[in-house]
Amino acid sequence: MVKVEIKPTVQWDCYDVGRHIRKDDKLEIGHLHGMFKEPSFVLEEQMMMNQDDCYSVFFNDEIIGIGGCPVAENGVAVPWFIGTELINDYKVTFHKEAKKLLKEWKSKHSYMANFVWDNSGSKSWLEKLGFNMDDKISFVTATGGKFRAFYMEGDNSE
């Protein structure tokens, strides 16, 4: 049985994930923040901006990734997750835990949306979780990265 822990992110977690980041996540960060920006620093910035909604996920005491679902100024919740290569060792557990988190986020929010790099394997995973995917590319970065919106209605109508 896999030991699962989800706890508030600390600075060291950002560096740990940055050193072992999944290739797709590293490329996505590169397209959004610059190919030469260290992923650890991007994660640390996210942690600092979203301290109340930034969590680290551990399976068997190994960090799997960092994510959250902060609410933007327009009231839309923005789900995100950056993972390590260890996710591949825990695919079933990761999917089950993601479904639990998503259920919690849906109960708190009326609408969730974000963008995913179009070449990422995360697109199919997001669809398996129940997110809708825009048919068209939403924007293209200066580095040529194509991004597509994904979204889901929440259960909280407040």
Protein backbone atom coordinates (compact mmCIF):
# COMPACT_ATOMS: atom_id res chain seq x y z
CA MET A 1 0.00 0.00 0.00
CA VAL A 2 1.26 3.46 -0.92
CA LYS A 3 1.65 6.00 1.88
CA VAL A 4 0.11 9.29 0.64
CA GLU A 5 0.80 12.69 2.19
CA ILE A 6 -0.41 16.06 0.94
CA LYS A 7 0.97 19.03 2.82
CA PRO A 8 1.70 22.73 2.33
CA THR A 9 4.65 23.33 0.05
CA VAL A 10 7.93 24.50 1.55
CA GLN A 11 10.82 26.04 -0.36
CA TRP A 12 12.87 22.82 -0.42
CA ASP A 13 10.00 21.00 -2.19
CA CYS A 14 10.32 23.43 -5.11
CA TYR A 15 13.99 22.60 -5.56
CA ASP A 16 13.37 18.88 -5.20
CA VAL A 17 10.65 18.86 -7.88
CA GLY A 18 12.73 21.15 -10.10
CA ARG A 19 15.63 18.70 -10.04
CA HIS A 20 13.43 15.70 -10.95
CA ILE A 21 10.78 17.40 -13.08
CA ARG A 22 8.93 15.50 -15.82
CA LYS A 23 10.19 16.38 -19.30
CA ASP A 24 6.76 17.62 -20.46
CA ASP A 25 6.42 19.86 -17.40
CA LYS A 26 9.90 21.31 -17.91
CA LEU A 27 9.09 22.13 -21.53
CA GLU A 28 5.74 23.66 -20.56
CA ILE A 29 7.44 25.88 -17.96
CA GLY A 30 10.07 26.79 -20.57
CA HIS A 31 7.45 27.91 -23.07
CA LEU A 32 5.63 29.99 -20.46
CA HIS A 33 8.53 31.44 -18.46
CA GLY A 34 11.54 31.20 -20.77
CA MET A 35 13.59 28.18 -21.76
CA PHE A 36 16.50 29.24 -19.57
CA LYS A 37 14.51 29.84 -16.38
CA GLU A 38 15.16 27.19 -13.76
CA PRO A 39 11.91 25.28 -13.01
CA SER A 40 12.71 25.36 -9.27
CA PHE A 41 12.53 29.16 -9.30
CA VAL A 42 9.21 29.14 -11.18
CA LEU A 43 7.78 26.72 -8.61
CA GLU A 44 9.08 28.87 -5.77
CA GLU A 45 7.40 31.94 -7.33
CA GLN A 46 4.11 30.01 -7.56
CA MET A 47 4.47 28.93 -3.94
CA MET A 48 5.06 32.51 -2.80
CA MET A 49 2.12 33.90 -4.82
CA ASN A 50 -0.27 31.14 -3.70
CA GLN A 51 0.89 30.25 -0.19
CA ASP A 52 -2.63 29.37 0.94
CA ASP A 53 -3.20 27.02 -1.99
CA CYS A 54 0.09 25.33 -2.88
CA TYR A 55 0.57 21.72 -1.86
CA SER A 56 3.26 19.08 -2.16
CA VAL A 57 2.27 15.49 -2.82
CA PHE A 58 4.37 12.65 -1.39
CA PHE A 59 4.03 8.93 -2.06
CA ASN A 60 6.06 6.67 0.25
CA ASP A 61 7.95 9.75 1.51
CA GLU A 62 9.10 10.73 -2.02
CA ILE A 63 7.88 13.99 -3.53
CA ILE A 64 5.72 13.41 -6.61
CA GLY A 65 4.91 17.03 -7.39
CA ILE A 66 3.51 20.41 -6.43
CA GLY A 67 0.19 21.94 -7.33
CA GLY A 68 -2.88 23.80 -6.24
CA CYS A 69 -6.07 25.47 -7.34
CA PRO A 70 -5.84 29.18 -6.44
CA VAL A 71 -8.59 31.61 -7.40
CA ALA A 72 -7.64 34.29 -9.93
CA GLU A 73 -8.83 37.90 -9.73
CA ASN A 74 -11.69 37.09 -12.12
CA GLY A 75 -13.02 34.46 -9.69
CA VAL A 76 -11.96 31.44 -11.77
CA ALA A 77 -10.10 28.69 -9.93
CA VAL A 78 -6.86 27.75 -11.69
CA PRO A 79 -5.84 24.10 -11.20
CA TRP A 80 -2.20 23.27 -11.83
CA PHE A 81 0.31 20.54 -11.07
CA ILE A 82 3.99 20.08 -11.86
CA GLY A 83 5.28 16.56 -11.33
CA THR A 84 8.45 14.54 -11.12
CA GLU A 85 9.36 11.47 -13.15
CA LEU A 86 8.33 9.37 -10.11
CA ILE A 87 4.69 9.83 -11.16
CA ASN A 88 5.32 7.04 -13.67
CA ASP A 89 5.96 4.63 -10.78
CA TYR A 90 2.60 5.49 -9.16
CA LYS A 91 0.19 6.07 -12.06
CA VAL A 92 -2.83 4.34 -10.48
CA THR A 93 -2.33 5.90 -7.04
CA PHE A 94 -1.69 9.32 -8.58
CA HIS A 95 -4.89 9.17 -10.63
CA LYS A 96 -6.96 8.09 -7.58
CA GLU A 97 -5.52 10.89 -5.44
CA ALA A 98 -6.03 13.43 -8.23
CA LYS A 99 -9.71 12.42 -8.44
CA LYS A 100 -10.06 13.00 -4.68
CA LEU A 101 -8.45 16.45 -4.88
CA LEU A 102 -10.57 17.35 -7.89
CA LYS A 103 -13.74 16.39 -6.00
CA GLU A 104 -12.68 18.70 -3.16
CA TRP A 105 -11.86 21.55 -5.59
CA LYS A 106 -15.19 21.12 -7.38
CA SER A 107 -17.03 21.48 -4.05
CA LYS A 108 -15.22 24.78 -3.37
CA HIS A 109 -15.38 26.39 -6.81
CA SER A 110 -18.02 27.15 -9.44
CA TYR A 111 -15.59 27.07 -12.38
CA MET A 112 -12.01 25.87 -12.92
CA ALA A 113 -9.84 26.59 -15.95
CA ASN A 114 -6.23 26.77 -17.05
CA PHE A 115 -4.05 26.09 -20.10
CA VAL A 116 -1.98 23.05 -21.02
CA TRP A 117 0.88 22.79 -23.49
CA ASP A 118 -0.59 21.13 -26.55
CA ASN A 119 2.23 18.58 -26.92
CA SER A 120 1.94 17.43 -23.31
CA GLY A 121 0.78 13.98 -22.32
CA SER A 122 -1.14 15.75 -19.57
CA LYS A 123 -3.91 16.61 -22.04
CA SER A 124 -5.28 13.06 -22.14
CA TRP A 125 -4.91 12.72 -18.36
CA LEU A 126 -6.88 15.95 -17.81
CA GLU A 127 -9.64 14.61 -20.06
CA LYS A 128 -9.69 11.34 -18.08
CA LEU A 129 -10.18 13.42 -14.95
CA GLY A 130 -13.24 14.99 -16.57
CA PHE A 131 -11.91 18.31 -17.83
CA ASN A 132 -13.17 19.66 -21.15
CA MET A 133 -10.53 20.66 -23.69
CA ASP A 134 -10.94 23.54 -26.17
CA ASP A 135 -10.92 22.40 -29.79
CA LYS A 136 -8.66 25.26 -30.86
CA ILE A 137 -5.30 26.51 -29.66
CA SER A 138 -5.80 29.36 -27.18
CA PHE A 139 -2.42 31.05 -27.59
CA VAL A 140 1.12 30.56 -28.88
CA THR A 141 4.15 31.72 -26.88
CA ALA A 142 7.20 33.52 -28.25
CA THR A 143 9.04 30.16 -28.20
CA GLY A 144 6.34 28.55 -30.35
CA GLY A 145 4.63 26.66 -27.54
CA LYS A 146 0.97 26.09 -28.36
CA PHE A 147 -1.43 26.10 -25.42
CA ARG A 148 -5.01 24.90 -25.19
CA ALA A 149 -7.58 25.80 -22.52
CA PHE A 150 -9.06 23.13 -20.28
CA TYR A 151 -12.01 23.74 -17.99
CA MET A 152 -14.65 22.20 -15.74
CA GLU A 153 -17.78 23.39 -13.98
CA GLY A 154 -17.60 23.17 -10.21
CA ASP A 155 -20.38 22.31 -7.77
CA ASN A 156 -20.25 25.51 -5.74
CA SER A 157 -22.68 28.05 -7.19
CA GLU A 158 -21.79 30.88 -4.75
